PDB file of N, CA and C in Angstrom:
ATOM      1  N   MET A   1     -85.014   8.758 171.288  1.00  0.00           N
ATOM      2  CA  MET A   1     -85.996   8.826 170.294  1.00  0.00           C
ATOM      3  C   MET A   1     -87.320   8.239 171.263  1.00  0.00           C
ATOM      4  N   SER A   2     -88.384   8.672 171.260  1.00  0.00           N
ATOM      5  CA  SER A   2     -89.714   8.122 171.598  1.00  0.00           C
ATOM      6  C   SER A   2     -90.307   7.101 170.863  1.00  0.00           C
ATOM      7  N   TYR A   3     -91.283   6.460 171.808  1.00  0.00           N
ATOM      8  CA  TYR A   3     -92.000   5.364 171.198  1.00  0.00           C
ATOM      9  C   TYR A   3     -92.746   5.799 169.707  1.00  0.00           C
ATOM     10  N   LEU A   4     -93.178   7.153 169.901  1.00  0.00           N
ATOM     11  CA  LEU A   4     -94.161   7.682 168.818  1.00  0.00           C
ATOM     12  C   LEU A   4     -93.317   8.119 167.787  1.00  0.00           C
ATOM     13  N   ASP A   5     -91.989   8.370 167.835  1.00  0.00           N
ATOM     14  CA  ASP A   5     -91.023   8.638 166.779  1.00  0.00           C
ATOM     15  C   ASP A   5     -90.663   7.302 166.244  1.00  0.00           C
ATOM     16  N   VAL A   6     -90.555   6.403 166.853  1.00  0.00           N
ATOM     17  CA  VAL A   6     -90.249   4.827 166.114  1.00  0.00           C
ATOM     18  C   VAL A   6     -91.310   4.362 165.320  1.00  0.00           C
ATOM     19  N   VAL A   7     -92.611   4.729 165.787  1.00  0.00           N
ATOM     20  CA  VAL A   7     -93.954   4.260 165.174  1.00  0.00           C
ATOM     21  C   VAL A   7     -93.813   5.067 163.890  1.00  0.00           C
ATOM     22  N   ALA A   8     -93.663   6.347 163.875  1.00  0.00           N
ATOM     23  CA  ALA A   8     -93.757   7.224 162.781  1.00  0.00           C
ATOM     24  C   ALA A   8     -92.501   7.176 161.806  1.00  0.00           C
ATOM     25  N   ALA A   9     -91.504   6.634 162.284  1.00  0.00           N
ATOM     26  CA  ALA A   9     -90.234   6.203 161.391  1.00  0.00           C
ATOM     27  C   ALA A   9     -90.295   4.953 160.750  1.00  0.00           C
ATOM     28  N   ASP A  10     -90.994   4.183 161.257  1.00  0.00           N
ATOM     29  CA  ASP A  10     -91.582   2.808 160.609  1.00  0.00           C
ATOM     30  C   ASP A  10     -92.383   2.913 159.731  1.00  0.00           C
ATOM     31  N   CYS A  11     -93.632   3.994 159.968  1.00  0.00           N
ATOM     32  CA  CYS A  11     -94.583   4.002 158.902  1.00  0.00           C
ATOM     33  C   CYS A  11     -94.178   4.651 157.533  1.00  0.00           C
ATOM     34  N   ARG A  12     -93.223   5.491 157.996  1.00  0.00           N
ATOM     35  CA  ARG A  12     -92.674   6.214 156.656  1.00  0.00           C
ATOM     36  C   ARG A  12     -91.617   5.252 155.783  1.00  0.00           C
ATOM     37  N   LEU A  13     -91.277   4.332 156.468  1.00  0.00           N
ATOM     38  CA  LEU A  13     -90.424   3.282 155.928  1.00  0.00           C
ATOM     39  C   LEU A  13     -91.283   2.403 155.112  1.00  0.00           C
ATOM     40  N   ILE A  14     -92.298   1.908 155.698  1.00  0.00           N
ATOM     41  CA  ILE A  14     -93.180   1.120 155.113  1.00  0.00           C
ATOM     42  C   ILE A  14     -93.859   1.767 153.793  1.00  0.00           C
ATOM     43  N   MET A  15     -94.404   3.201 153.792  1.00  0.00           N
ATOM     44  CA  MET A  15     -94.775   3.741 152.658  1.00  0.00           C
ATOM     45  C   MET A  15     -93.734   3.915 151.815  1.00  0.00           C
ATOM     46  N   LEU A  16     -92.531   4.209 151.910  1.00  0.00           N
ATOM     47  CA  LEU A  16     -91.329   4.229 150.732  1.00  0.00           C
ATOM     48  C   LEU A  16     -91.388   3.123 150.165  1.00  0.00           C
ATOM     49  N   LYS A  17     -91.207   1.804 150.919  1.00  0.00           N
ATOM     50  CA  LYS A  17     -91.033   0.536 150.284  1.00  0.00           C
ATOM     51  C   LYS A  17     -92.233   0.026 149.504  1.00  0.00           C
ATOM     52  N   GLU A  18     -93.364   0.481 149.891  1.00  0.00           N
ATOM     53  CA  GLU A  18     -94.487   0.046 149.269  1.00  0.00           C
ATOM     54  C   GLU A  18     -94.609   0.914 148.092  1.00  0.00           C
ATOM     55  N   LEU A  19     -94.262   2.124 147.751  1.00  0.00           N
ATOM     56  CA  LEU A  19     -93.944   3.196 146.675  1.00  0.00           C
ATOM     57  C   LEU A  19     -92.907   2.597 145.765  1.00  0.00           C
ATOM     58  N   ALA A  20     -91.663   1.923 146.238  1.00  0.00           N
ATOM     59  CA  ALA A  20     -90.750   1.737 145.365  1.00  0.00           C
ATOM     60  C   ALA A  20     -91.069   0.368 144.835  1.00  0.00           C
ATOM     61  N   GLY A  21     -91.932  -0.360 145.452  1.00  0.00           N
ATOM     62  CA  GLY A  21     -92.822  -1.643 144.717  1.00  0.00           C
ATOM     63  C   GLY A  21     -93.629  -1.566 143.653  1.00  0.00           C
ATOM     64  N   GLN A  22     -94.075  -0.428 143.437  1.00  0.00           N
ATOM     65  CA  GLN A  22     -94.984   0.013 142.023  1.00  0.00           C
ATOM     66  C   GLN A  22     -94.456   0.179 140.902  1.00  0.00           C
ATOM     67  N   ASN A  23     -94.867  -0.158 139.979  1.00  0.00           N
ATOM     68  CA  ASN A  23     -94.601  -0.010 138.668  1.00  0.00           C
ATOM     69  C   ASN A  23     -94.022   1.352 138.419  1.00  0.00           C
ATOM     70  N   ASP A  24     -95.175   2.381 138.884  1.00  0.00           N
ATOM     71  CA  ASP A  24     -95.037   3.855 138.404  1.00  0.00           C
ATOM     72  C   ASP A  24     -94.540   4.306 139.778  1.00  0.00           C
ATOM     73  N   HIS A  25     -94.367   3.657 140.846  1.00  0.00           N
ATOM     74  CA  HIS A  25     -93.659   4.488 142.162  1.00  0.00           C
ATOM     75  C   HIS A  25     -94.541   5.263 142.514  1.00  0.00           C
ATOM     76  N   GLN A  26     -96.023   5.054 142.236  1.00  0.00           N
ATOM     77  CA  GLN A  26     -97.343   5.805 142.993  1.00  0.00           C
ATOM     78  C   GLN A  26     -98.216   5.112 143.423  1.00  0.00           C
ATOM     79  N   LEU A  27     -99.002   5.838 144.680  1.00  0.00           N
ATOM     80  CA  LEU A  27     -99.930   5.496 144.914  1.00  0.00           C
ATOM     81  C   LEU A  27    -100.762   6.286 145.652  1.00  0.00           C
ATOM     82  N   ASN A  28    -102.037   6.374 146.020  1.00  0.00           N
ATOM     83  CA  ASN A  28    -102.764   7.272 146.680  1.00  0.00           C
ATOM     84  C   ASN A  28    -102.811   6.930 148.282  1.00  0.00           C
ATOM     85  N   GLU A  29    -103.327   7.792 148.946  1.00  0.00           N
ATOM     86  CA  GLU A  29    -103.293   7.639 150.627  1.00  0.00           C
ATOM     87  C   GLU A  29    -104.062   6.758 150.907  1.00  0.00           C
ATOM     88  N   THR A  30    -105.230   6.578 150.345  1.00  0.00           N
ATOM     89  CA  THR A  30    -106.206   5.445 150.733  1.00  0.00           C
ATOM     90  C   THR A  30    -105.640   3.931 150.858  1.00  0.00           C
ATOM     91  N   ILE A  31    -104.621   3.620 149.689  1.00  0.00           N
ATOM     92  CA  ILE A  31    -103.912   2.501 149.648  1.00  0.00           C
ATOM     93  C   ILE A  31    -102.706   2.470 150.566  1.00  0.00           C
ATOM     94  N   LEU A  32    -102.260   3.391 150.909  1.00  0.00           N
ATOM     95  CA  LEU A  32    -101.123   3.513 151.635  1.00  0.00           C
ATOM     96  C   LEU A  32    -101.654   3.185 153.112  1.00  0.00           C
ATOM     97  N   THR A  33    -102.835   3.859 153.356  1.00  0.00           N
ATOM     98  CA  THR A  33    -103.376   3.834 154.708  1.00  0.00           C
ATOM     99  C   THR A  33    -103.539   2.072 155.222  1.00  0.00           C
ATOM    100  N   LYS A  34    -104.062   1.503 153.907  1.00  0.00           N
ATOM    101  CA  LYS A  34    -104.620   0.030 154.103  1.00  0.00           C
ATOM    102  C   LYS A  34    -103.104  -0.974 154.335  1.00  0.00           C
ATOM    103  N   VAL A  35    -101.937  -0.320 153.647  1.00  0.00           N
ATOM    104  CA  VAL A  35    -100.665  -0.979 153.695  1.00  0.00           C
ATOM    105  C   VAL A  35    -100.154  -0.972 154.916  1.00  0.00           C
ATOM    106  N   LEU A  36    -100.476   0.300 155.500  1.00  0.00           N
ATOM    107  CA  LEU A  36     -99.969   0.516 156.778  1.00  0.00           C
ATOM    108  C   LEU A  36    -100.542  -0.631 157.992  1.00  0.00           C
ATOM    109  N   GLU A  37    -101.942  -0.640 157.884  1.00  0.00           N
ATOM    110  CA  GLU A  37    -102.937  -1.314 158.701  1.00  0.00           C
ATOM    111  C   GLU A  37    -102.422  -3.072 158.205  1.00  0.00           C
ATOM    112  N   ASN A  38    -101.890  -3.150 157.327  1.00  0.00           N
ATOM    113  CA  ASN A  38    -101.473  -4.435 157.165  1.00  0.00           C
ATOM    114  C   ASN A  38    -100.107  -5.022 157.830  1.00  0.00           C
ATOM    115  N   PHE A  39     -99.435  -3.913 158.224  1.00  0.00           N
ATOM    116  CA  PHE A  39     -98.315  -4.039 158.970  1.00  0.00           C
ATOM    117  C   PHE A  39     -98.274  -3.839 160.486  1.00  0.00           C
ATOM    118  N   GLY A  40     -99.663  -3.745 160.908  1.00  0.00           N
ATOM    119  CA  GLY A  40     -99.908  -3.370 162.490  1.00  0.00           C
ATOM    120  C   GLY A  40    -100.079  -1.958 162.625  1.00  0.00           C
ATOM    121  N   HIS A  41    -100.221  -1.186 161.839  1.00  0.00           N
ATOM    122  CA  HIS A  41    -100.228   0.154 162.455  1.00  0.00           C
ATOM    123  C   HIS A  41    -101.775   0.813 161.649  1.00  0.00           C
ATOM    124  N   LEU A  42    -102.514   0.933 162.760  1.00  0.00           N
ATOM    125  CA  LEU A  42    -103.978   1.371 162.402  1.00  0.00           C
ATOM    126  C   LEU A  42    -103.897   2.620 162.759  1.00  0.00           C
ATOM    127  N   LYS A  43    -103.874   3.570 161.589  1.00  0.00           N
ATOM    128  CA  LYS A  43    -103.871   4.972 161.639  1.00  0.00           C
ATOM    129  C   LYS A  43    -105.018   5.773 161.061  1.00  0.00           C
ATOM    130  N   THR A  44    -105.007   7.095 161.386  1.00  0.00           N
ATOM    131  CA  THR A  44    -106.030   7.907 160.963  1.00  0.00           C
ATOM    132  C   THR A  44    -105.589   8.444 159.501  1.00  0.00           C
ATOM    133  N   ARG A  45    -106.489   8.874 158.772  1.00  0.00           N
ATOM    134  CA  ARG A  45    -106.346   9.691 157.382  1.00  0.00           C
ATOM    135  C   ARG A  45    -105.399  10.619 157.799  1.00  0.00           C
ATOM    136  N   ASP A  46    -105.752  11.389 158.938  1.00  0.00           N
ATOM    137  CA  ASP A  46    -104.838  12.580 158.991  1.00  0.00           C
ATOM    138  C   ASP A  46    -103.267  12.536 159.412  1.00  0.00           C
ATOM    139  N   TYR A  47    -103.328  11.276 160.480  1.00  0.00           N
ATOM    140  CA  TYR A  47    -101.838  10.806 160.421  1.00  0.00           C
ATOM    141  C   TYR A  47    -101.190  10.251 159.240  1.00  0.00           C
ATOM    142  N   VAL A  48    -101.863   9.460 158.665  1.00  0.00           N
ATOM    143  CA  VAL A  48    -101.174   9.123 157.255  1.00  0.00           C
ATOM    144  C   VAL A  48    -100.652  10.240 156.601  1.00  0.00           C
ATOM    145  N   ARG A  49    -101.509  11.322 156.229  1.00  0.00           N
ATOM    146  CA  ARG A  49    -101.326  12.561 155.281  1.00  0.00           C
ATOM    147  C   ARG A  49    -100.331  13.323 156.111  1.00  0.00           C
ATOM    148  N   THR A  50    -100.153  13.567 157.591  1.00  0.00           N
ATOM    149  CA  THR A  50     -98.957  14.108 158.225  1.00  0.00           C
ATOM    150  C   THR A  50     -97.878  13.289 157.722  1.00  0.00           C
ATOM    151  N   GLN A  51     -97.507  12.022 157.708  1.00  0.00           N
ATOM    152  CA  GLN A  51     -96.369  11.355 157.462  1.00  0.00           C
ATOM    153  C   GLN A  51     -95.901  11.345 156.002  1.00  0.00           C
ATOM    154  N   ILE A  52     -97.108  11.630 155.027  1.00  0.00           N
ATOM    155  CA  ILE A  52     -96.796  11.884 153.638  1.00  0.00           C
ATOM    156  C   ILE A  52     -96.258  13.229 153.593  1.00  0.00           C
ATOM    157  N   ARG A  53     -96.769  14.108 154.150  1.00  0.00           N
ATOM    158  CA  ARG A  53     -96.289  15.613 154.348  1.00  0.00           C
ATOM    159  C   ARG A  53     -94.486  15.691 154.672  1.00  0.00           C
ATOM    160  N   VAL A  54     -94.294  14.987 155.759  1.00  0.00           N
ATOM    161  CA  VAL A  54     -93.068  15.113 156.529  1.00  0.00           C
ATOM    162  C   VAL A  54     -92.135  14.423 155.169  1.00  0.00           C
ATOM    163  N   LEU A  55     -92.506  13.390 154.623  1.00  0.00           N
ATOM    164  CA  LEU A  55     -91.826  12.602 153.500  1.00  0.00           C
ATOM    165  C   LEU A  55     -91.973  13.634 152.463  1.00  0.00           C
ATOM    166  N   GLU A  56     -92.560  14.401 151.980  1.00  0.00           N
ATOM    167  CA  GLU A  56     -92.432  15.359 150.908  1.00  0.00           C
ATOM    168  C   GLU A  56     -91.584  16.505 151.484  1.00  0.00           C
ATOM    169  N   GLY A  57     -91.487  16.834 152.525  1.00  0.00           N
ATOM    170  CA  GLY A  57     -90.561  17.789 153.179  1.00  0.00           C
ATOM    171  C   GLY A  57     -88.856  17.296 153.346  1.00  0.00           C
ATOM    172  N   LEU A  58     -88.869  15.918 153.277  1.00  0.00           N
ATOM    173  CA  LEU A  58     -87.412  15.378 152.932  1.00  0.00           C
ATOM    174  C   LEU A  58     -87.186  14.880 151.385  1.00  0.00           C
ATOM    175  N   ASN A  59     -88.098  15.727 150.417  1.00  0.00           N
ATOM    176  CA  ASN A  59     -87.777  15.452 149.190  1.00  0.00           C
ATOM    177  C   ASN A  59     -87.712  13.813 148.989  1.00  0.00           C
ATOM    178  N   ALA A  60     -88.389  12.884 149.465  1.00  0.00           N
ATOM    179  CA  ALA A  60     -88.554  11.595 149.462  1.00  0.00           C
ATOM    180  C   ALA A  60     -89.634  11.187 148.451  1.00  0.00           C
ATOM    181  N   VAL A  61     -90.793  12.292 148.479  1.00  0.00           N
ATOM    182  CA  VAL A  61     -91.819  11.821 147.894  1.00  0.00           C
ATOM    183  C   VAL A  61     -92.550  13.103 147.071  1.00  0.00           C
ATOM    184  N   SER A  62     -93.151  13.207 145.833  1.00  0.00           N
ATOM    185  CA  SER A  62     -93.921  14.312 145.370  1.00  0.00           C
ATOM    186  C   SER A  62     -95.362  14.245 145.865  1.00  0.00           C
ATOM    187  N   VAL A  63     -96.282  15.048 146.155  1.00  0.00           N
ATOM    188  CA  VAL A  63     -97.585  15.051 146.510  1.00  0.00           C
ATOM    189  C   VAL A  63     -98.511  15.681 145.398  1.00  0.00           C
ATOM    190  N   LYS A  64     -99.526  15.212 144.850  1.00  0.00           N
ATOM    191  CA  LYS A  64    -100.644  15.948 143.914  1.00  0.00           C
ATOM    192  C   LYS A  64    -101.824  15.666 144.691  1.00  0.00           C
ATOM    193  N   GLU A  65    -102.580  16.631 144.672  1.00  0.00           N
ATOM    194  CA  GLU A  65    -104.120  16.339 145.497  1.00  0.00           C
ATOM    195  C   GLU A  65    -104.722  16.362 143.946  1.00  0.00           C
ATOM    196  N   VAL A  66    -105.778  15.157 143.927  1.00  0.00           N
ATOM    197  CA  VAL A  66    -106.694  14.786 143.030  1.00  0.00           C
ATOM    198  C   VAL A  66    -107.978  14.748 143.815  1.00  0.00           C
ATOM    199  N   GLY A  67    -108.884  15.736 143.574  1.00  0.00           N
ATOM    200  CA  GLY A  67    -110.005  15.758 144.426  1.00  0.00           C
ATOM    201  C   GLY A  67    -109.687  16.060 145.821  1.00  0.00           C
ATOM    202  N   SER A  68    -110.274  15.312 146.698  1.00  0.00           N
ATOM    203  CA  SER A  68    -109.849  15.048 147.880  1.00  0.00           C
ATOM    204  C   SER A  68    -108.763  14.035 148.558  1.00  0.00           C
ATOM    205  N   VAL A  69    -108.170  13.483 147.435  1.00  0.00           N
ATOM    206  CA  VAL A  69    -107.176  12.346 147.754  1.00  0.00           C
ATOM    207  C   VAL A  69    -105.632  12.870 147.398  1.00  0.00           C
ATOM    208  N   LEU A  70    -104.895  12.571 148.146  1.00  0.00           N
ATOM    209  CA  LEU A  70    -103.424  12.603 148.025  1.00  0.00           C
ATOM    210  C   LEU A  70    -102.985  11.543 147.112  1.00  0.00           C
ATOM    211  N   VAL A  71    -102.212  11.910 146.098  1.00  0.00           N
ATOM    212  CA  VAL A  71    -101.494  10.799 145.216  1.00  0.00           C
ATOM    213  C   VAL A  71    -100.098  11.132 145.378  1.00  0.00           C
ATOM    214  N   VAL A  72     -99.274  10.256 146.021  1.00  0.00           N
ATOM    215  CA  VAL A  72     -97.903   9.948 146.302  1.00  0.00           C
ATOM    216  C   VAL A  72     -97.039   9.482 145.325  1.00  0.00           C
ATOM    217  N   LYS A  73     -95.911  10.109 144.739  1.00  0.00           N
ATOM    218  CA  LYS A  73     -95.006   9.673 143.940  1.00  0.00           C
ATOM    219  C   LYS A  73     -93.549   9.447 144.655  1.00  0.00           C
ATOM    220  N   LEU A  74     -93.137   8.294 144.387  1.00  0.00           N
ATOM    221  CA  LEU A  74     -91.416   8.502 145.036  1.00  0.00           C
ATOM    222  C   LEU A  74     -90.487   9.053 144.400  1.00  0.00           C
ATOM    223  N   LEU A  75     -89.674   9.669 145.025  1.00  0.00           N
ATOM    224  CA  LEU A  75     -88.533  10.540 144.246  1.00  0.00           C
ATOM    225  C   LEU A  75     -87.283   9.821 144.437  1.00  0.00           C
ATOM    226  N   ARG A  76     -86.368  10.243 143.767  1.00  0.00           N
ATOM    227  CA  ARG A  76     -84.706   9.785 143.862  1.00  0.00           C
ATOM    228  C   ARG A  76     -84.335   9.652 145.327  1.00  0.00           C
ATOM    229  N   ALA A  77     -84.682  10.671 146.216  1.00  0.00           N
ATOM    230  CA  ALA A  77     -84.147  10.488 147.822  1.00  0.00           C
ATOM    231  C   ALA A  77     -84.886   9.504 148.329  1.00  0.00           C
ATOM    232  N   GLY A  78     -86.289   9.291 148.131  1.00  0.00           N
ATOM    233  CA  GLY A  78     -87.042   7.987 148.641  1.00  0.00           C
ATOM    234  C   GLY A  78     -86.375   6.612 148.215  1.00  0.00           C
ATOM    235  N   LEU A  79     -86.245   6.602 147.067  1.00  0.00           N
ATOM    236  CA  LEU A  79     -85.606   5.493 146.401  1.00  0.00           C
ATOM    237  C   LEU A  79     -84.091   5.013 147.026  1.00  0.00           C
ATOM    238  N   ASP A  80     -83.574   5.986 146.977  1.00  0.00           N
ATOM    239  CA  ASP A  80     -82.068   6.071 147.583  1.00  0.00           C
ATOM    240  C   ASP A  80     -82.240   5.289 148.873  1.00  0.00           C
ATOM    241  N   HIS A  81     -83.194   6.041 149.751  1.00  0.00           N
ATOM    242  CA  HIS A  81     -83.432   5.268 151.104  1.00  0.00           C
ATOM    243  C   HIS A  81     -83.584   3.958 151.117  1.00  0.00           C
ATOM    244  N   VAL A  82     -84.887   3.502 150.238  1.00  0.00           N
ATOM    245  CA  VAL A  82     -85.128   2.134 150.466  1.00  0.00           C
ATOM    246  C   VAL A  82     -84.082   1.182 150.039  1.00  0.00           C
ATOM    247  N   GLU A  83     -83.273   1.616 149.078  1.00  0.00           N
ATOM    248  CA  GLU A  83     -82.226   0.948 148.464  1.00  0.00           C
ATOM    249  C   GLU A  83     -80.970   0.861 149.266  1.00  0.00           C
ATOM    250  N   ARG A  84     -80.663   1.797 150.416  1.00  0.00           N
ATOM    251  CA  ARG A  84     -79.818   1.815 151.048  1.00  0.00           C
ATOM    252  C   ARG A  84     -78.416   2.414 150.637  1.00  0.00           C
ATOM    253  N   ARG A  85     -78.858   3.513 149.323  1.00  0.00           N
ATOM    254  CA  ARG A  85     -77.603   4.153 149.229  1.00  0.00           C
ATOM    255  C   ARG A  85     -77.138   5.540 150.027  1.00  0.00           C
ATOM    256  N   ALA A  86     -78.211   6.161 150.344  1.00  0.00           N
ATOM    257  CA  ALA A  86     -78.218   7.185 151.427  1.00  0.00           C
ATOM    258  C   ALA A  86     -79.523   7.129 152.485  1.00  0.00           C
ATOM    259  N   PHE A  87     -79.298   7.786 153.603  1.00  0.00           N
ATOM    260  CA  PHE A  87     -80.469   7.866 154.453  1.00  0.00           C
ATOM    261  C   PHE A  87     -81.169   8.834 154.861  1.00  0.00           C
ATOM    262  N   LEU A  88     -82.308   8.831 155.188  1.00  0.00           N
ATOM    263  CA  LEU A  88     -83.224  10.092 155.406  1.00  0.00           C
ATOM    264  C   LEU A  88     -83.644  10.424 156.948  1.00  0.00           C
ATOM    265  N   GLU A  89     -83.095  11.143 157.506  1.00  0.00           N
ATOM    266  CA  GLU A  89     -83.635  11.686 158.973  1.00  0.00           C
ATOM    267  C   GLU A  89     -85.096  11.367 159.145  1.00  0.00           C
ATOM    268  N   GLY A  90     -85.388  10.472 160.364  1.00  0.00           N
ATOM    269  CA  GLY A  90     -86.580  10.360 160.838  1.00  0.00           C
ATOM    270  C   GLY A  90     -87.262   9.132 159.901  1.00  0.00           C
ATOM    271  N   VAL A  91     -86.895   8.609 159.220  1.00  0.00           N
ATOM    272  CA  VAL A  91     -87.278   7.196 158.421  1.00  0.00           C
ATOM    273  C   VAL A  91     -86.697   6.192 158.918  1.00  0.00           C
ATOM    274  N   GLY A  92     -87.364   4.898 159.322  1.00  0.00           N
ATOM    275  CA  GLY A  92     -86.547   3.694 159.791  1.00  0.00           C
ATOM    276  C   GLY A  92     -85.772   3.149 158.747  1.00  0.00           C
ATOM    277  N   ARG A  93     -84.555   2.443 159.241  1.00  0.00           N
ATOM    278  CA  ARG A  93     -83.680   2.179 158.055  1.00  0.00           C
ATOM    279  C   ARG A  93     -84.003   0.711 157.627  1.00  0.00           C
ATOM    280  N   PRO A  94     -84.209   0.759 156.279  1.00  0.00           N
ATOM    281  CA  PRO A  94     -84.473  -0.684 155.738  1.00  0.00           C
ATOM    282  C   PRO A  94     -83.458  -1.924 156.058  1.00  0.00           C
ATOM    283  N   SER A  95     -83.921  -2.898 156.247  1.00  0.00           N
ATOM    284  CA  SER A  95     -83.046  -4.121 156.597  1.00  0.00           C
ATOM    285  C   SER A  95     -82.273  -4.445 155.358  1.00  0.00           C
ATOM    286  N   VAL A  96     -81.144  -5.128 155.881  1.00  0.00           N
ATOM    287  CA  VAL A  96     -80.239  -5.396 154.423  1.00  0.00           C
ATOM    288  C   VAL A  96     -80.848  -6.493 153.728  1.00  0.00           C
ATOM    289  N   GLU A  97     -81.965  -7.328 154.369  1.00  0.00           N
ATOM    290  CA  GLU A  97     -82.451  -8.089 153.302  1.00  0.00           C
ATOM    291  C   GLU A  97     -83.726  -7.701 152.348  1.00  0.00           C
ATOM    292  N   GLY A  98     -83.677  -6.544 152.566  1.00  0.00           N
ATOM    293  CA  GLY A  98     -85.102  -5.489 151.990  1.00  0.00           C
ATOM    294  C   GLY A  98     -85.974  -5.519 152.771  1.00  0.00           C
TER     295      GLY A  98
END
């Protein structure tokens, strides 16, 4: 696995964990970009959108376009990954501590 693959997997895990922490399990791409920045990943909007679409392809999230913004909602497969019940290829593994 290359360095870029490791970074992408970490970004995807961070997004899933943040969505899991929301009462309604959803956030928009702007907030997810800020969350990644807080974890040391300064990424472009296009990069974040690409990672969101990868997660959508894994059936971890659903995506709704509202105007020019993507709204992302966590699905069962994404929650199962965060809670360590099942794992998604290409997404970092959550630590046992959470």
